Every structure is written in structure tokens, then in C-alpha cells.
Amino acid sequence: MDRQDCQHLLAALGEYIDGTLDEELCREIEKHMAECENCRVVVDTLRKTIYLYRVEAQEESLPQEVRHRLLARLELEG
């Protein structure tokens, strides 16, 4: 995999995760990730981190049972 492709993905990662990136660039990133396991891991980890942060920020209003199911679904908790 071309290192420049990975750097291009990382430069646009925030916008991609936020859903604000141009559709054409999203397709390019998704095509790249289909071929690059390292970038898939980076994107997946970032998504899980953001999600976990949001869940933790709302933990007081989220029932404990629901929280455990969400974390298990994300494979962040056994």
C-alpha cells in the first residue's frame, strides 16, 4: 500500500468520521481501507474511542445494563 495514500486518509480522518467529508473523498478513503488493514484498524479504533467517550460522558443517564451491552457490542468489554 502506498504510504501517501495512508497519509491522505489520516489528513482527512476527522472529517470522514464526522461525516462532513466530500462524498468522492469518502469513496476514495473507503476504497483505500478495503485494501489497507492498518488504516481500517486506525479508523475503527478512532470510531470506538469517540463512541466510548460519548457513552462515558452520558454514563449517569445511561442504565448500567445498557452500558455493558453497548460496550460488549463494540468489543470493548468481555
PDB file of N, CA and C in Angstrom:
ATOM      1  N   MET A   1       0.846  -1.176   0.000  1.00  0.00           N
ATOM      2  CA  MET A   1       0.000   0.000   0.000  1.00  0.00           C
ATOM      3  C   MET A   1       0.887   1.233   0.000  1.00  0.00           C
ATOM      4  N   ASP A   2       0.547   2.203  -0.782  1.00  0.00           N
ATOM      5  CA  ASP A   2       1.313   3.435  -0.911  1.00  0.00           C
ATOM      6  C   ASP A   2       1.174   4.269   0.362  1.00  0.00           C
ATOM      7  N   ARG A   3       2.289   4.624   0.937  1.00  0.00           N
ATOM      8  CA  ARG A   3       2.309   5.408   2.183  1.00  0.00           C
ATOM      9  C   ARG A   3       1.592   6.746   2.018  1.00  0.00           C
ATOM     10  N   GLN A   4       1.659   7.342   0.836  1.00  0.00           N
ATOM     11  CA  GLN A   4       0.981   8.615   0.586  1.00  0.00           C
ATOM     12  C   GLN A   4      -0.536   8.455   0.693  1.00  0.00           C
ATOM     13  N   ASP A   5      -1.058   7.301   0.280  1.00  0.00           N
ATOM     14  CA  ASP A   5      -2.487   7.041   0.415  1.00  0.00           C
ATOM     15  C   ASP A   5      -2.884   7.041   1.888  1.00  0.00           C
ATOM     16  N   CYS A   6      -2.062   6.423   2.711  1.00  0.00           N
ATOM     17  CA  CYS A   6      -2.334   6.376   4.148  1.00  0.00           C
ATOM     18  C   CYS A   6      -2.282   7.790   4.740  1.00  0.00           C
ATOM     19  N   GLN A   7      -1.309   8.565   4.352  1.00  0.00           N
ATOM     20  CA  GLN A   7      -1.193   9.929   4.858  1.00  0.00           C
ATOM     21  C   GLN A   7      -2.385  10.773   4.417  1.00  0.00           C
ATOM     22  N   HIS A   8      -2.857  10.561   3.200  1.00  0.00           N
ATOM     23  CA  HIS A   8      -4.035  11.268   2.685  1.00  0.00           C
ATOM     24  C   HIS A   8      -5.253  10.930   3.543  1.00  0.00           C
ATOM     25  N   LEU A   9      -5.405   9.652   3.878  1.00  0.00           N
ATOM     26  CA  LEU A   9      -6.516   9.222   4.718  1.00  0.00           C
ATOM     27  C   LEU A   9      -6.419   9.874   6.089  1.00  0.00           C
ATOM     28  N   LEU A  10      -5.266   9.831   6.699  1.00  0.00           N
ATOM     29  CA  LEU A  10      -5.106  10.392   8.041  1.00  0.00           C
ATOM     30  C   LEU A  10      -5.374  11.892   8.062  1.00  0.00           C
ATOM     31  N   ALA A  11      -5.026  12.585   6.999  1.00  0.00           N
ATOM     32  CA  ALA A  11      -5.251  14.024   6.932  1.00  0.00           C
ATOM     33  C   ALA A  11      -6.739  14.360   6.923  1.00  0.00           C
ATOM     34  N   ALA A  12      -7.557  13.472   6.368  1.00  0.00           N
ATOM     35  CA  ALA A  12      -8.996  13.730   6.250  1.00  0.00           C
ATOM     36  C   ALA A  12      -9.816  12.920   7.240  1.00  0.00           C
ATOM     37  N   LEU A  13      -9.161  12.247   8.164  1.00  0.00           N
ATOM     38  CA  LEU A  13      -9.847  11.311   9.042  1.00  0.00           C
ATOM     39  C   LEU A  13     -10.918  11.962   9.909  1.00  0.00           C
ATOM     40  N   GLY A  14     -10.636  13.100  10.478  1.00  0.00           N
ATOM     41  CA  GLY A  14     -11.613  13.779  11.327  1.00  0.00           C
ATOM     42  C   GLY A  14     -12.897  14.092  10.577  1.00  0.00           C
ATOM     43  N   GLU A  15     -12.763  14.651   9.397  1.00  0.00           N
ATOM     44  CA  GLU A  15     -13.941  14.975   8.591  1.00  0.00           C
ATOM     45  C   GLU A  15     -14.671  13.715   8.146  1.00  0.00           C
ATOM     46  N   TYR A  16     -13.913  12.665   7.855  1.00  0.00           N
ATOM     47  CA  TYR A  16     -14.528  11.401   7.438  1.00  0.00           C
ATOM     48  C   TYR A  16     -15.376  10.822   8.575  1.00  0.00           C
ATOM     49  N   ILE A  17     -14.809  10.773   9.765  1.00  0.00           N
ATOM     50  CA  ILE A  17     -15.517  10.225  10.926  1.00  0.00           C
ATOM     51  C   ILE A  17     -16.738  11.089  11.257  1.00  0.00           C
ATOM     52  N   ASP A  18     -16.597  12.401  11.132  1.00  0.00           N
ATOM     53  CA  ASP A  18     -17.700  13.324  11.441  1.00  0.00           C
ATOM     54  C   ASP A  18     -18.793  13.296  10.384  1.00  0.00           C
ATOM     55  N   GLY A  19     -18.485  12.742   9.206  1.00  0.00           N
ATOM     56  CA  GLY A  19     -19.466  12.704   8.125  1.00  0.00           C
ATOM     57  C   GLY A  19     -19.562  14.006   7.354  1.00  0.00           C
ATOM     58  N   THR A  20     -18.524  14.832   7.426  1.00  0.00           N
ATOM     59  CA  THR A  20     -18.541  16.121   6.736  1.00  0.00           C
ATOM     60  C   THR A  20     -17.637  16.156   5.515  1.00  0.00           C
ATOM     61  N   LEU A  21     -17.019  15.032   5.199  1.00  0.00           N
ATOM     62  CA  LEU A  21     -16.097  14.967   4.066  1.00  0.00           C
ATOM     63  C   LEU A  21     -16.874  14.785   2.760  1.00  0.00           C
ATOM     64  N   ASP A  22     -16.370  15.370   1.695  1.00  0.00           N
ATOM     65  CA  ASP A  22     -16.952  15.251   0.363  1.00  0.00           C
ATOM     66  C   ASP A  22     -17.154  13.772   0.008  1.00  0.00           C
ATOM     67  N   GLU A  23     -18.285  13.465  -0.638  1.00  0.00           N
ATOM     68  CA  GLU A  23     -18.625  12.072  -0.966  1.00  0.00           C
ATOM     69  C   GLU A  23     -17.551  11.377  -1.796  1.00  0.00           C
ATOM     70  N   GLU A  24     -16.969  12.087  -2.736  1.00  0.00           N
ATOM     71  CA  GLU A  24     -15.936  11.479  -3.584  1.00  0.00           C
ATOM     72  C   GLU A  24     -14.723  11.074  -2.745  1.00  0.00           C
ATOM     73  N   LEU A  25     -14.319  11.955  -1.829  1.00  0.00           N
ATOM     74  CA  LEU A  25     -13.192  11.631  -0.959  1.00  0.00           C
ATOM     75  C   LEU A  25     -13.538  10.477  -0.021  1.00  0.00           C
ATOM     76  N   CYS A  26     -14.794  10.421   0.435  1.00  0.00           N
ATOM     77  CA  CYS A  26     -15.236   9.294   1.266  1.00  0.00           C
ATOM     78  C   CYS A  26     -15.084   7.980   0.509  1.00  0.00           C
ATOM     79  N   ARG A  27     -15.476   7.983  -0.744  1.00  0.00           N
ATOM     80  CA  ARG A  27     -15.346   6.758  -1.555  1.00  0.00           C
ATOM     81  C   ARG A  27     -13.884   6.363  -1.706  1.00  0.00           C
ATOM     82  N   GLU A  28     -13.014   7.353  -1.907  1.00  0.00           N
ATOM     83  CA  GLU A  28     -11.579   7.067  -2.029  1.00  0.00           C
ATOM     84  C   GLU A  28     -11.040   6.453  -0.738  1.00  0.00           C
ATOM     85  N   ILE A  29     -11.446   7.021   0.388  1.00  0.00           N
ATOM     86  CA  ILE A  29     -10.989   6.519   1.682  1.00  0.00           C
ATOM     87  C   ILE A  29     -11.499   5.105   1.906  1.00  0.00           C
ATOM     88  N   GLU A  30     -12.761   4.863   1.605  1.00  0.00           N
ATOM     89  CA  GLU A  30     -13.334   3.528   1.791  1.00  0.00           C
ATOM     90  C   GLU A  30     -12.662   2.508   0.881  1.00  0.00           C
ATOM     91  N   LYS A  31     -12.337   2.910  -0.328  1.00  0.00           N
ATOM     92  CA  LYS A  31     -11.615   2.021  -1.239  1.00  0.00           C
ATOM     93  C   LYS A  31     -10.229   1.711  -0.663  1.00  0.00           C
ATOM     94  N   HIS A  32      -9.570   2.738  -0.162  1.00  0.00           N
ATOM     95  CA  HIS A  32      -8.249   2.543   0.429  1.00  0.00           C
ATOM     96  C   HIS A  32      -8.329   1.602   1.632  1.00  0.00           C
ATOM     97  N   MET A  33      -9.302   1.826   2.494  1.00  0.00           N
ATOM     98  CA  MET A  33      -9.431   0.988   3.688  1.00  0.00           C
ATOM     99  C   MET A  33      -9.738  -0.464   3.342  1.00  0.00           C
ATOM    100  N   ALA A  34     -10.411  -0.681   2.225  1.00  0.00           N
ATOM    101  CA  ALA A  34     -10.704  -2.051   1.805  1.00  0.00           C
ATOM    102  C   ALA A  34      -9.413  -2.816   1.499  1.00  0.00           C
ATOM    103  N   GLU A  35      -8.367  -2.082   1.169  1.00  0.00           N
ATOM    104  CA  GLU A  35      -7.091  -2.696   0.805  1.00  0.00           C
ATOM    105  C   GLU A  35      -6.005  -2.537   1.869  1.00  0.00           C
ATOM    106  N   CYS A  36      -6.262  -1.709   2.888  1.00  0.00           N
ATOM    107  CA  CYS A  36      -5.219  -1.393   3.874  1.00  0.00           C
ATOM    108  C   CYS A  36      -5.710  -1.698   5.286  1.00  0.00           C
ATOM    109  N   GLU A  37      -5.263  -2.822   5.808  1.00  0.00           N
ATOM    110  CA  GLU A  37      -5.696  -3.232   7.146  1.00  0.00           C
ATOM    111  C   GLU A  37      -5.273  -2.232   8.220  1.00  0.00           C
ATOM    112  N   ASN A  38      -4.086  -1.665   8.102  1.00  0.00           N
ATOM    113  CA  ASN A  38      -3.615  -0.710   9.105  1.00  0.00           C
ATOM    114  C   ASN A  38      -4.547   0.497   9.218  1.00  0.00           C
ATOM    115  N   CYS A  39      -4.979   1.016   8.101  1.00  0.00           N
ATOM    116  CA  CYS A  39      -5.877   2.170   8.124  1.00  0.00           C
ATOM    117  C   CYS A  39      -7.261   1.783   8.637  1.00  0.00           C
ATOM    118  N   ARG A  40      -7.716   0.578   8.312  1.00  0.00           N
ATOM    119  CA  ARG A  40      -9.003   0.095   8.851  1.00  0.00           C
ATOM    120  C   ARG A  40      -8.947   0.049  10.371  1.00  0.00           C
ATOM    121  N   VAL A  41      -7.837  -0.427  10.910  1.00  0.00           N
ATOM    122  CA  VAL A  41      -7.676  -0.512  12.360  1.00  0.00           C
ATOM    123  C   VAL A  41      -7.685   0.887  12.974  1.00  0.00           C
ATOM    124  N   VAL A  42      -6.989   1.822  12.346  1.00  0.00           N
ATOM    125  CA  VAL A  42      -6.945   3.198  12.860  1.00  0.00           C
ATOM    126  C   VAL A  42      -8.344   3.806  12.880  1.00  0.00           C
ATOM    127  N   VAL A  43      -9.076   3.677  11.792  1.00  0.00           N
ATOM    128  CA  VAL A  43     -10.424   4.246  11.699  1.00  0.00           C
ATOM    129  C   VAL A  43     -11.351   3.568  12.693  1.00  0.00           C
ATOM    130  N   ASP A  44     -11.307   2.253  12.776  1.00  0.00           N
ATOM    131  CA  ASP A  44     -12.167   1.520  13.709  1.00  0.00           C
ATOM    132  C   ASP A  44     -11.867   1.916  15.153  1.00  0.00           C
ATOM    133  N   THR A  45     -10.596   2.009  15.489  1.00  0.00           N
ATOM    134  CA  THR A  45     -10.207   2.386  16.848  1.00  0.00           C
ATOM    135  C   THR A  45     -10.669   3.796  17.181  1.00  0.00           C
ATOM    136  N   LEU A  46     -10.529   4.707  16.237  1.00  0.00           N
ATOM    137  CA  LEU A  46     -10.965   6.083  16.472  1.00  0.00           C
ATOM    138  C   LEU A  46     -12.477   6.147  16.666  1.00  0.00           C
ATOM    139  N   ARG A  47     -13.214   5.435  15.839  1.00  0.00           N
ATOM    140  CA  ARG A  47     -14.681   5.408  15.992  1.00  0.00           C
ATOM    141  C   ARG A  47     -15.083   4.875  17.358  1.00  0.00           C
ATOM    142  N   LYS A  48     -14.463   3.783  17.771  1.00  0.00           N
ATOM    143  CA  LYS A  48     -14.777   3.202  19.073  1.00  0.00           C
ATOM    144  C   LYS A  48     -14.400   4.149  20.213  1.00  0.00           C
ATOM    145  N   THR A  49     -13.276   4.821  20.075  1.00  0.00           N
ATOM    146  CA  THR A  49     -12.834   5.764  21.098  1.00  0.00           C
ATOM    147  C   THR A  49     -13.823   6.915  21.231  1.00  0.00           C
ATOM    148  N   ILE A  50     -14.247   7.463  20.115  1.00  0.00           N
ATOM    149  CA  ILE A  50     -15.214   8.559  20.135  1.00  0.00           C
ATOM    150  C   ILE A  50     -16.526   8.089  20.737  1.00  0.00           C
ATOM    151  N   TYR A  51     -16.975   6.918  20.328  1.00  0.00           N
ATOM    152  CA  TYR A  51     -18.226   6.391  20.850  1.00  0.00           C
ATOM    153  C   TYR A  51     -18.130   6.165  22.358  1.00  0.00           C
ATOM    154  N   LEU A  52     -17.044   5.550  22.792  1.00  0.00           N
ATOM    155  CA  LEU A  52     -16.859   5.287  24.212  1.00  0.00           C
ATOM    156  C   LEU A  52     -16.826   6.595  24.999  1.00  0.00           C
ATOM    157  N   TYR A  53     -16.160   7.590  24.478  1.00  0.00           N
ATOM    158  CA  TYR A  53     -16.117   8.893  25.137  1.00  0.00           C
ATOM    159  C   TYR A  53     -17.530   9.448  25.303  1.00  0.00           C
ATOM    160  N   ARG A  54     -18.317   9.362  24.265  1.00  0.00           N
ATOM    161  CA  ARG A  54     -19.687   9.864  24.336  1.00  0.00           C
ATOM    162  C   ARG A  54     -20.521   9.072  25.332  1.00  0.00           C
ATOM    163  N   VAL A  55     -20.347   7.753  25.361  1.00  0.00           N
ATOM    164  CA  VAL A  55     -21.076   6.913  26.308  1.00  0.00           C
ATOM    165  C   VAL A  55     -20.656   7.264  27.734  1.00  0.00           C
ATOM    166  N   GLU A  56     -19.367   7.399  27.959  1.00  0.00           N
ATOM    167  CA  GLU A  56     -18.870   7.735  29.296  1.00  0.00           C
ATOM    168  C   GLU A  56     -19.372   9.111  29.732  1.00  0.00           C
ATOM    169  N   ALA A  57     -19.452  10.047  28.799  1.00  0.00           N
ATOM    170  CA  ALA A  57     -19.929  11.393  29.123  1.00  0.00           C
ATOM    171  C   ALA A  57     -21.394  11.361  29.539  1.00  0.00           C
ATOM    172  N   GLN A  58     -22.140  10.395  29.045  1.00  0.00           N
ATOM    173  CA  GLN A  58     -23.563  10.285  29.359  1.00  0.00           C
ATOM    174  C   GLN A  58     -23.836   9.158  30.349  1.00  0.00           C
ATOM    175  N   GLU A  59     -22.795   8.632  30.952  1.00  0.00           N
ATOM    176  CA  GLU A  59     -22.924   7.440  31.793  1.00  0.00           C
ATOM    177  C   GLU A  59     -23.970   7.613  32.889  1.00  0.00           C
ATOM    178  N   GLU A  60     -24.081   8.775  33.465  1.00  0.00           N
ATOM    179  CA  GLU A  60     -25.032   8.969  34.549  1.00  0.00           C
ATOM    180  C   GLU A  60     -26.461   8.725  34.088  1.00  0.00           C
ATOM    181  N   SER A  61     -26.781   9.076  32.850  1.00  0.00           N
ATOM    182  CA  SER A  61     -28.141   8.917  32.363  1.00  0.00           C
ATOM    183  C   SER A  61     -28.363   7.573  31.666  1.00  0.00           C
ATOM    184  N   LEU A  62     -27.312   6.795  31.494  1.00  0.00           N
ATOM    185  CA  LEU A  62     -27.402   5.508  30.805  1.00  0.00           C
ATOM    186  C   LEU A  62     -27.450   4.378  31.828  1.00  0.00           C
ATOM    187  N   PRO A  63     -28.496   3.564  31.809  1.00  0.00           N
ATOM    188  CA  PRO A  63     -28.566   2.449  32.751  1.00  0.00           C
ATOM    189  C   PRO A  63     -27.351   1.525  32.590  1.00  0.00           C
ATOM    190  N   GLN A  64     -26.865   1.005  33.701  1.00  0.00           N
ATOM    191  CA  GLN A  64     -25.652   0.182  33.703  1.00  0.00           C
ATOM    192  C   GLN A  64     -25.771  -1.018  32.761  1.00  0.00           C
ATOM    193  N   GLU A  65     -26.915  -1.679  32.722  1.00  0.00           N
ATOM    194  CA  GLU A  65     -27.110  -2.844  31.857  1.00  0.00           C
ATOM    195  C   GLU A  65     -26.963  -2.460  30.383  1.00  0.00           C
ATOM    196  N   VAL A  66     -27.531  -1.336  30.001  1.00  0.00           N
ATOM    197  CA  VAL A  66     -27.438  -0.854  28.621  1.00  0.00           C
ATOM    198  C   VAL A  66     -25.993  -0.509  28.287  1.00  0.00           C
ATOM    199  N   ARG A  67     -25.313   0.137  29.218  1.00  0.00           N
ATOM    200  CA  ARG A  67     -23.910   0.493  29.013  1.00  0.00           C
ATOM    201  C   ARG A  67     -23.071  -0.759  28.756  1.00  0.00           C
ATOM    202  N   HIS A  68     -23.259  -1.806  29.559  1.00  0.00           N
ATOM    203  CA  HIS A  68     -22.496  -3.045  29.377  1.00  0.00           C
ATOM    204  C   HIS A  68     -22.784  -3.683  28.022  1.00  0.00           C
ATOM    205  N   ARG A  69     -24.042  -3.674  27.599  1.00  0.00           N
ATOM    206  CA  ARG A  69     -24.381  -4.246  26.287  1.00  0.00           C
ATOM    207  C   ARG A  69     -23.727  -3.467  25.161  1.00  0.00           C
ATOM    208  N   LEU A  70     -23.717  -2.132  25.268  1.00  0.00           N
ATOM    209  CA  LEU A  70     -23.084  -1.306  24.231  1.00  0.00           C
ATOM    210  C   LEU A  70     -21.588  -1.578  24.161  1.00  0.00           C
ATOM    211  N   LEU A  71     -20.955  -1.624  25.309  1.00  0.00           N
ATOM    212  CA  LEU A  71     -19.506  -1.875  25.332  1.00  0.00           C
ATOM    213  C   LEU A  71     -19.185  -3.262  24.800  1.00  0.00           C
ATOM    214  N   ALA A  72     -20.011  -4.240  25.135  1.00  0.00           N
ATOM    215  CA  ALA A  72     -19.789  -5.594  24.627  1.00  0.00           C
ATOM    216  C   ALA A  72     -19.962  -5.625  23.114  1.00  0.00           C
ATOM    217  N   ARG A  73     -20.958  -4.900  22.629  1.00  0.00           N
ATOM    218  CA  ARG A  73     -21.203  -4.841  21.185  1.00  0.00           C
ATOM    219  C   ARG A  73     -20.014  -4.239  20.455  1.00  0.00           C
ATOM    220  N   LEU A  74     -19.367  -3.266  21.081  1.00  0.00           N
ATOM    221  CA  LEU A  74     -18.188  -2.641  20.498  1.00  0.00           C
ATOM    222  C   LEU A  74     -16.933  -3.448  20.753  1.00  0.00           C
ATOM    223  N   GLU A  75     -17.100  -4.559  21.461  1.00  0.00           N
ATOM    224  CA  GLU A  75     -15.977  -5.442  21.801  1.00  0.00           C
ATOM    225  C   GLU A  75     -14.954  -4.733  22.672  1.00  0.00           C
ATOM    226  N   LEU A  76     -15.443  -3.839  23.541  1.00  0.00           N
ATOM    227  CA  LEU A  76     -14.557  -3.124  24.448  1.00  0.00           C
ATOM    228  C   LEU A  76     -14.627  -3.709  25.852  1.00  0.00           C
ATOM    229  N   GLU A  77     -15.542  -4.624  26.047  1.00  0.00           N
ATOM    230  CA  GLU A  77     -15.703  -5.236  27.352  1.00  0.00           C
ATOM    231  C   GLU A  77     -16.068  -6.697  27.150  1.00  0.00           C
ATOM    232  N   GLY A  78     -15.473  -7.575  27.928  1.00  0.00           N
ATOM    233  CA  GLY A  78     -15.690  -9.010  27.815  1.00  0.00           C
ATOM    234  C   GLY A  78     -17.070  -9.396  28.106  1.00  0.00           C
TER     235      GLY A  78
END
